[in-house]
Amino acid sequence: MQLGVDEAGKGPVLGSMFAACVRASVDDLPAGIADSKRLSADHRESLAEQIRETADAVAVTEIPVERIDDPETDMNGLTVAAHAETLSEAAGEGLPRDGLPCYLDAADTNAVRFERRVGERVNPDIDLRAKHGADDEHPIVSAASIITKVCRDAHVADLAASYDGRGYGDIGSGYPSDPTTRQFLRRYVESEEQLPDCARQSWQTSQDVLASLDQATLEEF
């Protein structure tokens, strides 16, 4: 029995970040498990259903925009919290005394530091092992990466349907590098004179869009 944790949505300017933990025997995981980035959307969704059916436990933690924009937090701390919260939920009670191995996809340039910070927040009987590229190396983390990516994609799809349905157009991928996402933010701000609720207001991309609106307003006078 192992635990694996991964997150999705750390870098976008739109929407929540998600973390998922899968508790399962690796032998029980469906065939074709791989890092979610290597799989098509349809394949991820199919595997996610199979993982939920075969795993002992699957937990998902959502970190919403309001929590991301809290000035008392930062993304490094929130990523640690997301890993710890979803891990604690999936681990549950009755851990073996010799420790239940848990592999984390290290979301810090220093994997040892990330492992230590998560470990400070969870049951000490869990044997944490944070690694870069764990979602490629360990199937249990690949399973978690699939779950969290599917959750994040569904979240973005819901946002897209909502804003497009209200006439604001395509929101794109939600990443700052996506021209469609930046165009959506500009359209919304020009129309409403404020950022949409789904935007991370503390992100530089959001601040740049607001600054552009302020500059355009000044030039009208």
C-alpha atoms as a PDB file:
ATOM      1  CA  MET A   1       0.000   0.000   0.000  1.00  0.00           C
ATOM      2  CA  GLN A   2       1.304   3.443  -0.943  1.00  0.00           C
ATOM      3  CA  LEU A   3       0.184   7.045  -1.028  1.00  0.00           C
ATOM      4  CA  GLY A   4       0.930   9.484  -3.831  1.00  0.00           C
ATOM      5  CA  VAL A   5       0.298  13.231  -4.009  1.00  0.00           C
ATOM      6  CA  ASP A   6       0.463  15.772  -6.835  1.00  0.00           C
ATOM      7  CA  GLU A   7      -1.049  19.167  -7.594  1.00  0.00           C
ATOM      8  CA  ALA A   8      -2.341  20.986 -10.668  1.00  0.00           C
ATOM      9  CA  GLY A   9      -3.043  24.649 -11.292  1.00  0.00           C
ATOM     10  CA  LYS A  10      -0.221  26.275  -9.358  1.00  0.00           C
ATOM     11  CA  GLY A  11       0.701  28.731 -12.124  1.00  0.00           C
ATOM     12  CA  PRO A  12      -2.518  29.856 -13.854  1.00  0.00           C
ATOM     13  CA  VAL A  13      -3.962  33.333 -13.408  1.00  0.00           C
ATOM     14  CA  LEU A  14      -7.520  31.950 -13.502  1.00  0.00           C
ATOM     15  CA  GLY A  15      -9.205  29.534 -11.137  1.00  0.00           C
ATOM     16  CA  SER A  16      -8.315  27.259  -8.263  1.00  0.00           C
ATOM     17  CA  MET A  17      -5.333  25.053  -7.582  1.00  0.00           C
ATOM     18  CA  PHE A  18      -6.041  21.387  -6.810  1.00  0.00           C
ATOM     19  CA  ALA A  19      -4.092  18.654  -5.056  1.00  0.00           C
ATOM     20  CA  ALA A  20      -4.969  14.966  -5.066  1.00  0.00           C
ATOM     21  CA  CYS A  21      -3.831  11.986  -3.040  1.00  0.00           C
ATOM     22  CA  VAL A  22      -4.333   8.359  -4.030  1.00  0.00           C
ATOM     23  CA  ARG A  23      -4.002   5.525  -1.514  1.00  0.00           C
ATOM     24  CA  ALA A  24      -3.694   2.154  -3.231  1.00  0.00           C
ATOM     25  CA  SER A  25      -1.629  -0.906  -3.940  1.00  0.00           C
ATOM     26  CA  VAL A  26       0.342  -0.221  -7.103  1.00  0.00           C
ATOM     27  CA  ASP A  27      -0.720  -3.641  -8.419  1.00  0.00           C
ATOM     28  CA  ASP A  28      -4.350  -2.503  -8.286  1.00  0.00           C
ATOM     29  CA  LEU A  29      -3.825   0.594 -10.412  1.00  0.00           C
ATOM     30  CA  PRO A  30      -5.160   0.419 -13.985  1.00  0.00           C
ATOM     31  CA  ALA A  31      -2.832  -0.270 -16.896  1.00  0.00           C
ATOM     32  CA  GLY A  32      -1.563   2.748 -18.798  1.00  0.00           C
ATOM     33  CA  ILE A  33      -0.878   4.928 -15.755  1.00  0.00           C
ATOM     34  CA  ALA A  34       1.555   7.748 -16.601  1.00  0.00           C
ATOM     35  CA  ASP A  35       2.221  11.378 -15.795  1.00  0.00           C
ATOM     36  CA  SER A  36      -1.004  13.178 -16.710  1.00  0.00           C
ATOM     37  CA  LYS A  37       0.853  15.571 -19.026  1.00  0.00           C
ATOM     38  CA  ARG A  38       1.677  12.610 -21.280  1.00  0.00           C
ATOM     39  CA  LEU A  39      -1.957  11.549 -21.690  1.00  0.00           C
ATOM     40  CA  SER A  40      -4.829  12.873 -23.778  1.00  0.00           C
ATOM     41  CA  ALA A  41      -7.793  14.424 -21.984  1.00  0.00           C
ATOM     42  CA  ASP A  42     -10.042  11.472 -22.860  1.00  0.00           C
ATOM     43  CA  HIS A  43      -7.468   8.956 -21.646  1.00  0.00           C
ATOM     44  CA  ARG A  44      -6.989  10.878 -18.389  1.00  0.00           C
ATOM     45  CA  GLU A  45     -10.729  10.905 -17.727  1.00  0.00           C
ATOM     46  CA  SER A  46     -11.019   7.170 -18.388  1.00  0.00           C
ATOM     47  CA  LEU A  47      -8.089   6.384 -16.103  1.00  0.00           C
ATOM     48  CA  ALA A  48      -9.405   8.706 -13.397  1.00  0.00           C
ATOM     49  CA  GLU A  49     -12.659   6.730 -13.271  1.00  0.00           C
ATOM     50  CA  GLN A  50     -10.736   3.464 -12.999  1.00  0.00           C
ATOM     51  CA  ILE A  51      -8.447   4.834 -10.286  1.00  0.00           C
ATOM     52  CA  ARG A  52     -11.423   5.937  -8.198  1.00  0.00           C
ATOM     53  CA  GLU A  53     -12.953   2.464  -8.585  1.00  0.00           C
ATOM     54  CA  THR A  54      -9.847   0.513  -7.573  1.00  0.00           C
ATOM     55  CA  ALA A  55      -8.047   2.733  -5.037  1.00  0.00           C
ATOM     56  CA  ASP A  56      -8.521   2.354  -1.297  1.00  0.00           C
ATOM     57  CA  ALA A  57      -8.951   6.121  -1.017  1.00  0.00           C
ATOM     58  CA  VAL A  58      -8.861   9.204  -3.234  1.00  0.00           C
ATOM     59  CA  ALA A  59      -8.863  12.700  -1.766  1.00  0.00           C
ATOM     60  CA  VAL A  60      -8.915  16.060  -3.549  1.00  0.00           C
ATOM     61  CA  THR A  61      -8.231  19.461  -2.009  1.00  0.00           C
ATOM     62  CA  GLU A  62      -9.208  22.696  -3.763  1.00  0.00           C
ATOM     63  CA  ILE A  63      -7.341  25.922  -3.030  1.00  0.00           C
ATOM     64  CA  PRO A  64      -9.707  28.646  -4.319  1.00  0.00           C
ATOM     65  CA  VAL A  65      -8.776  32.060  -5.661  1.00  0.00           C
ATOM     66  CA  GLU A  66      -9.733  33.772  -2.398  1.00  0.00           C
ATOM     67  CA  ARG A  67      -7.204  31.686  -0.490  1.00  0.00           C
ATOM     68  CA  ILE A  68      -4.525  32.245  -3.132  1.00  0.00           C
ATOM     69  CA  ASP A  69      -5.019  36.025  -2.967  1.00  0.00           C
ATOM     70  CA  ASP A  70      -4.836  36.142   0.842  1.00  0.00           C
ATOM     71  CA  PRO A  71      -1.895  38.482   1.606  1.00  0.00           C
ATOM     72  CA  GLU A  72      -0.965  36.282   4.570  1.00  0.00           C
ATOM     73  CA  THR A  73      -0.101  33.385   2.256  1.00  0.00           C
ATOM     74  CA  ASP A  74       2.111  32.600  -0.733  1.00  0.00           C
ATOM     75  CA  MET A  75       2.005  29.867  -3.367  1.00  0.00           C
ATOM     76  CA  ASN A  76       4.858  27.886  -1.839  1.00  0.00           C
ATOM     77  CA  GLY A  77       3.069  27.720   1.493  1.00  0.00           C
ATOM     78  CA  LEU A  78      -0.278  26.984  -0.145  1.00  0.00           C
ATOM     79  CA  THR A  79       1.209  24.126  -2.158  1.00  0.00           C
ATOM     80  CA  VAL A  80       2.621  22.621   1.028  1.00  0.00           C
ATOM     81  CA  ALA A  81      -0.780  23.034   2.692  1.00  0.00           C
ATOM     82  CA  ALA A  82      -2.609  21.483  -0.265  1.00  0.00           C
ATOM     83  CA  HIS A  83      -0.347  18.416  -0.244  1.00  0.00           C
ATOM     84  CA  ALA A  84      -0.664  18.032   3.518  1.00  0.00           C
ATOM     85  CA  GLU A  85      -4.443  18.476   3.609  1.00  0.00           C
ATOM     86  CA  THR A  86      -5.221  15.999   0.845  1.00  0.00           C
ATOM     87  CA  LEU A  87      -2.649  13.518   2.180  1.00  0.00           C
ATOM     88  CA  SER A  88      -4.128  13.628   5.671  1.00  0.00           C
ATOM     89  CA  GLU A  89      -7.612  13.020   4.285  1.00  0.00           C
ATOM     90  CA  ALA A  90      -6.585  10.035   2.160  1.00  0.00           C
ATOM     91  CA  ALA A  91      -4.319   8.469   4.790  1.00  0.00           C
ATOM     92  CA  GLY A  92      -7.092   8.285   7.360  1.00  0.00           C
ATOM     93  CA  GLU A  93      -6.673   6.371  10.593  1.00  0.00           C
ATOM     94  CA  GLY A  94      -4.990   3.093  11.443  1.00  0.00           C
ATOM     95  CA  LEU A  95      -1.649   3.644   9.754  1.00  0.00           C
ATOM     96  CA  PRO A  96       0.873   0.806  10.085  1.00  0.00           C
ATOM     97  CA  ARG A  97       3.424   1.379  12.832  1.00  0.00           C
ATOM     98  CA  ASP A  98       6.342   0.945  10.449  1.00  0.00           C
ATOM     99  CA  GLY A  99       5.076   3.834   8.319  1.00  0.00           C
ATOM    100  CA  LEU A 100       3.007   4.068   5.174  1.00  0.00           C
ATOM    101  CA  PRO A 101       5.195   5.210   2.245  1.00  0.00           C
ATOM    102  CA  CYS A 102       4.012   8.377   0.561  1.00  0.00           C
ATOM    103  CA  TYR A 103       5.591   9.827  -2.558  1.00  0.00           C
ATOM    104  CA  LEU A 104       5.197  13.538  -3.218  1.00  0.00           C
ATOM    105  CA  ASP A 105       5.890  15.316  -6.482  1.00  0.00           C
ATOM    106  CA  ALA A 106       8.136  17.985  -4.983  1.00  0.00           C
ATOM    107  CA  ALA A 107       6.681  21.430  -5.707  1.00  0.00           C
ATOM    108  CA  ASP A 108       9.790  23.268  -4.527  1.00  0.00           C
ATOM    109  CA  THR A 109      13.247  23.604  -6.062  1.00  0.00           C
ATOM    110  CA  ASN A 110      14.500  21.942  -2.865  1.00  0.00           C
ATOM    111  CA  ALA A 111      12.789  18.549  -2.556  1.00  0.00           C
ATOM    112  CA  VAL A 112      14.139  17.932   0.960  1.00  0.00           C
ATOM    113  CA  ARG A 113      12.712  21.225   2.190  1.00  0.00           C
ATOM    114  CA  PHE A 114       9.349  20.466   0.601  1.00  0.00           C
ATOM    115  CA  GLU A 115       9.277  17.019   2.214  1.00  0.00           C
ATOM    116  CA  ARG A 116      10.107  18.524   5.599  1.00  0.00           C
ATOM    117  CA  ARG A 117       7.455  21.248   5.354  1.00  0.00           C
ATOM    118  CA  VAL A 118       4.720  18.792   4.399  1.00  0.00           C
ATOM    119  CA  GLY A 119       5.889  16.385   7.107  1.00  0.00           C
ATOM    120  CA  GLU A 120       5.409  19.060   9.760  1.00  0.00           C
ATOM    121  CA  ARG A 121       1.681  19.079   8.948  1.00  0.00           C
ATOM    122  CA  VAL A 122       0.842  15.364   8.717  1.00  0.00           C
ATOM    123  CA  ASN A 123       0.807  12.179  10.803  1.00  0.00           C
ATOM    124  CA  PRO A 124       4.428  11.348  11.714  1.00  0.00           C
ATOM    125  CA  ASP A 125       3.787   7.671  10.919  1.00  0.00           C
ATOM    126  CA  ILE A 126       3.661   8.530   7.210  1.00  0.00           C
ATOM    127  CA  ASP A 127       7.005   7.885   5.534  1.00  0.00           C
ATOM    128  CA  LEU A 128       7.326  10.889   3.206  1.00  0.00           C
ATOM    129  CA  ARG A 129       9.555  10.826   0.143  1.00  0.00           C
ATOM    130  CA  ALA A 130       9.461  13.992  -1.966  1.00  0.00           C
ATOM    131  CA  LYS A 131      11.074  13.846  -5.392  1.00  0.00           C
ATOM    132  CA  HIS A 132      11.186  15.968  -8.506  1.00  0.00           C
ATOM    133  CA  GLY A 133       9.561  14.083 -11.362  1.00  0.00           C
ATOM    134  CA  ALA A 134       7.820  11.662  -9.013  1.00  0.00           C
ATOM    135  CA  ASP A 135       4.790  11.732 -11.311  1.00  0.00           C
ATOM    136  CA  ASP A 136       6.993  10.078 -13.950  1.00  0.00           C
ATOM    137  CA  GLU A 137       8.864   7.724 -11.632  1.00  0.00           C
ATOM    138  CA  HIS A 138       6.153   6.421  -9.307  1.00  0.00           C
ATOM    139  CA  PRO A 139       2.807   5.081 -10.623  1.00  0.00           C
ATOM    140  CA  ILE A 140       1.039   6.054  -7.385  1.00  0.00           C
ATOM    141  CA  VAL A 141       1.993   9.707  -8.018  1.00  0.00           C
ATOM    142  CA  SER A 142       1.050   9.362 -11.680  1.00  0.00           C
ATOM    143  CA  ALA A 143      -2.390   8.278 -10.462  1.00  0.00           C
ATOM    144  CA  ALA A 144      -2.622  11.363  -8.248  1.00  0.00           C
ATOM    145  CA  SER A 145      -1.506  13.584 -11.123  1.00  0.00           C
ATOM    146  CA  ILE A 146      -4.285  12.162 -13.300  1.00  0.00           C
ATOM    147  CA  ILE A 147      -6.936  12.779 -10.638  1.00  0.00           C
ATOM    148  CA  THR A 148      -5.857  16.337  -9.928  1.00  0.00           C
ATOM    149  CA  LYS A 149      -5.462  17.240 -13.619  1.00  0.00           C
ATOM    150  CA  VAL A 150      -8.969  15.945 -14.389  1.00  0.00           C
ATOM    151  CA  CYS A 151     -10.358  17.985 -11.472  1.00  0.00           C
ATOM    152  CA  ARG A 152      -8.567  21.135 -12.620  1.00  0.00           C
ATOM    153  CA  ASP A 153      -9.702  20.630 -16.239  1.00  0.00           C
ATOM    154  CA  ALA A 154     -13.321  20.196 -15.132  1.00  0.00           C
ATOM    155  CA  HIS A 155     -13.040  23.365 -13.046  1.00  0.00           C
ATOM    156  CA  VAL A 156     -11.723  25.353 -16.032  1.00  0.00           C
ATOM    157  CA  ALA A 157     -14.450  23.926 -18.266  1.00  0.00           C
ATOM    158  CA  ASP A 158     -17.095  25.098 -15.789  1.00  0.00           C
ATOM    159  CA  LEU A 159     -15.557  28.578 -15.693  1.00  0.00           C
ATOM    160  CA  ALA A 160     -15.393  28.684 -19.483  1.00  0.00           C
ATOM    161  CA  ALA A 161     -19.040  27.730 -19.864  1.00  0.00           C
ATOM    162  CA  SER A 162     -20.106  30.307 -17.284  1.00  0.00           C
ATOM    163  CA  TYR A 163     -18.215  33.275 -18.746  1.00  0.00           C
ATOM    164  CA  ASP A 164     -18.886  32.387 -22.376  1.00  0.00           C
ATOM    165  CA  GLY A 165     -22.568  31.997 -21.539  1.00  0.00           C
ATOM    166  CA  ARG A 166     -22.581  35.534 -20.162  1.00  0.00           C
ATOM    167  CA  GLY A 167     -20.999  36.923 -23.327  1.00  0.00           C
ATOM    168  CA  TYR A 168     -17.387  37.327 -22.223  1.00  0.00           C
ATOM    169  CA  GLY A 169     -16.030  34.807 -24.723  1.00  0.00           C
ATOM    170  CA  ASP A 170     -13.350  32.148 -24.488  1.00  0.00           C
ATOM    171  CA  ILE A 171     -11.213  32.185 -21.314  1.00  0.00           C
ATOM    172  CA  GLY A 172      -8.468  30.023 -22.810  1.00  0.00           C
ATOM    173  CA  SER A 173      -6.311  27.744 -20.666  1.00  0.00           C
ATOM    174  CA  GLY A 174      -6.150  30.164 -17.755  1.00  0.00           C
ATOM    175  CA  TYR A 175      -2.352  30.504 -17.934  1.00  0.00           C
ATOM    176  CA  PRO A 176      -0.698  33.944 -18.138  1.00  0.00           C
ATOM    177  CA  SER A 177       1.193  32.947 -21.299  1.00  0.00           C
ATOM    178  CA  ASP A 178      -2.058  32.183 -23.146  1.00  0.00           C
ATOM    179  CA  PRO A 179      -3.083  35.105 -25.422  1.00  0.00           C
ATOM    180  CA  THR A 180      -6.721  33.977 -25.258  1.00  0.00           C
ATOM    181  CA  THR A 181      -6.677  34.191 -21.454  1.00  0.00           C
ATOM    182  CA  ARG A 182      -5.128  37.668 -21.538  1.00  0.00           C
ATOM    183  CA  GLN A 183      -7.686  38.818 -24.113  1.00  0.00           C
ATOM    184  CA  PHE A 184     -10.496  37.496 -21.922  1.00  0.00           C
ATOM    185  CA  LEU A 185      -9.194  39.461 -18.938  1.00  0.00           C
ATOM    186  CA  ARG A 186      -8.939  42.646 -20.990  1.00  0.00           C
ATOM    187  CA  ARG A 187     -12.456  42.172 -22.373  1.00  0.00           C
ATOM    188  CA  TYR A 188     -13.896  41.595 -18.932  1.00  0.00           C
ATOM    189  CA  VAL A 189     -12.094  44.530 -17.313  1.00  0.00           C
ATOM    190  CA  GLU A 190     -13.038  46.896 -20.132  1.00  0.00           C
ATOM    191  CA  SER A 191     -16.677  45.862 -19.705  1.00  0.00           C
ATOM    192  CA  GLU A 192     -16.942  45.647 -15.918  1.00  0.00           C
ATOM    193  CA  GLU A 193     -14.058  47.884 -14.745  1.00  0.00           C
ATOM    194  CA  GLN A 194     -12.924  45.143 -12.398  1.00  0.00           C
ATOM    195  CA  LEU A 195     -11.395  41.679 -12.576  1.00  0.00           C
ATOM    196  CA  PRO A 196     -13.614  38.595 -12.828  1.00  0.00           C
ATOM    197  CA  ASP A 197     -14.093  36.584  -9.653  1.00  0.00           C
ATOM    198  CA  CYS A 198     -12.128  33.705 -11.173  1.00  0.00           C
ATOM    199  CA  ALA A 199      -8.968  35.795 -11.592  1.00  0.00           C
ATOM    200  CA  ARG A 200      -6.111  35.697  -9.110  1.00  0.00           C
ATOM    201  CA  GLN A 201      -5.946  39.399  -8.404  1.00  0.00           C
ATOM    202  CA  SER A 202      -2.488  39.172  -6.837  1.00  0.00           C
ATOM    203  CA  TRP A 203      -0.989  37.792 -10.085  1.00  0.00           C
ATOM    204  CA  GLN A 204       1.067  40.233 -12.168  1.00  0.00           C
ATOM    205  CA  THR A 205      -1.036  39.480 -15.248  1.00  0.00           C
ATOM    206  CA  SER A 206      -4.147  40.691 -13.427  1.00  0.00           C
ATOM    207  CA  GLN A 207      -2.374  43.781 -12.151  1.00  0.00           C
ATOM    208  CA  ASP A 208      -1.141  44.601 -15.666  1.00  0.00           C
ATOM    209  CA  VAL A 209      -4.683  44.404 -17.058  1.00  0.00           C
ATOM    210  CA  LEU A 210      -5.960  46.751 -14.348  1.00  0.00           C
ATOM    211  CA  ALA A 211      -3.052  49.136 -14.972  1.00  0.00           C
ATOM    212  CA  SER A 212      -3.916  49.201 -18.676  1.00  0.00           C
ATOM    213  CA  LEU A 213      -7.499  50.161 -17.825  1.00  0.00           C
ATOM    214  CA  ASP A 214      -6.291  52.959 -15.531  1.00  0.00           C
ATOM    215  CA  GLN A 215      -3.952  54.259 -18.247  1.00  0.00           C
ATOM    216  CA  ALA A 216      -6.710  54.217 -20.862  1.00  0.00           C
ATOM    217  CA  THR A 217      -9.009  56.103 -18.483  1.00  0.00           C
ATOM    218  CA  LEU A 218      -6.361  58.771 -17.884  1.00  0.00           C
ATOM    219  CA  GLU A 219      -5.805  59.227 -21.612  1.00  0.00           C
ATOM    220  CA  GLU A 220      -9.500  60.047 -22.056  1.00  0.00           C
ATOM    221  CA  PHE A 221      -9.062  63.226 -19.994  1.00  0.00           C
END
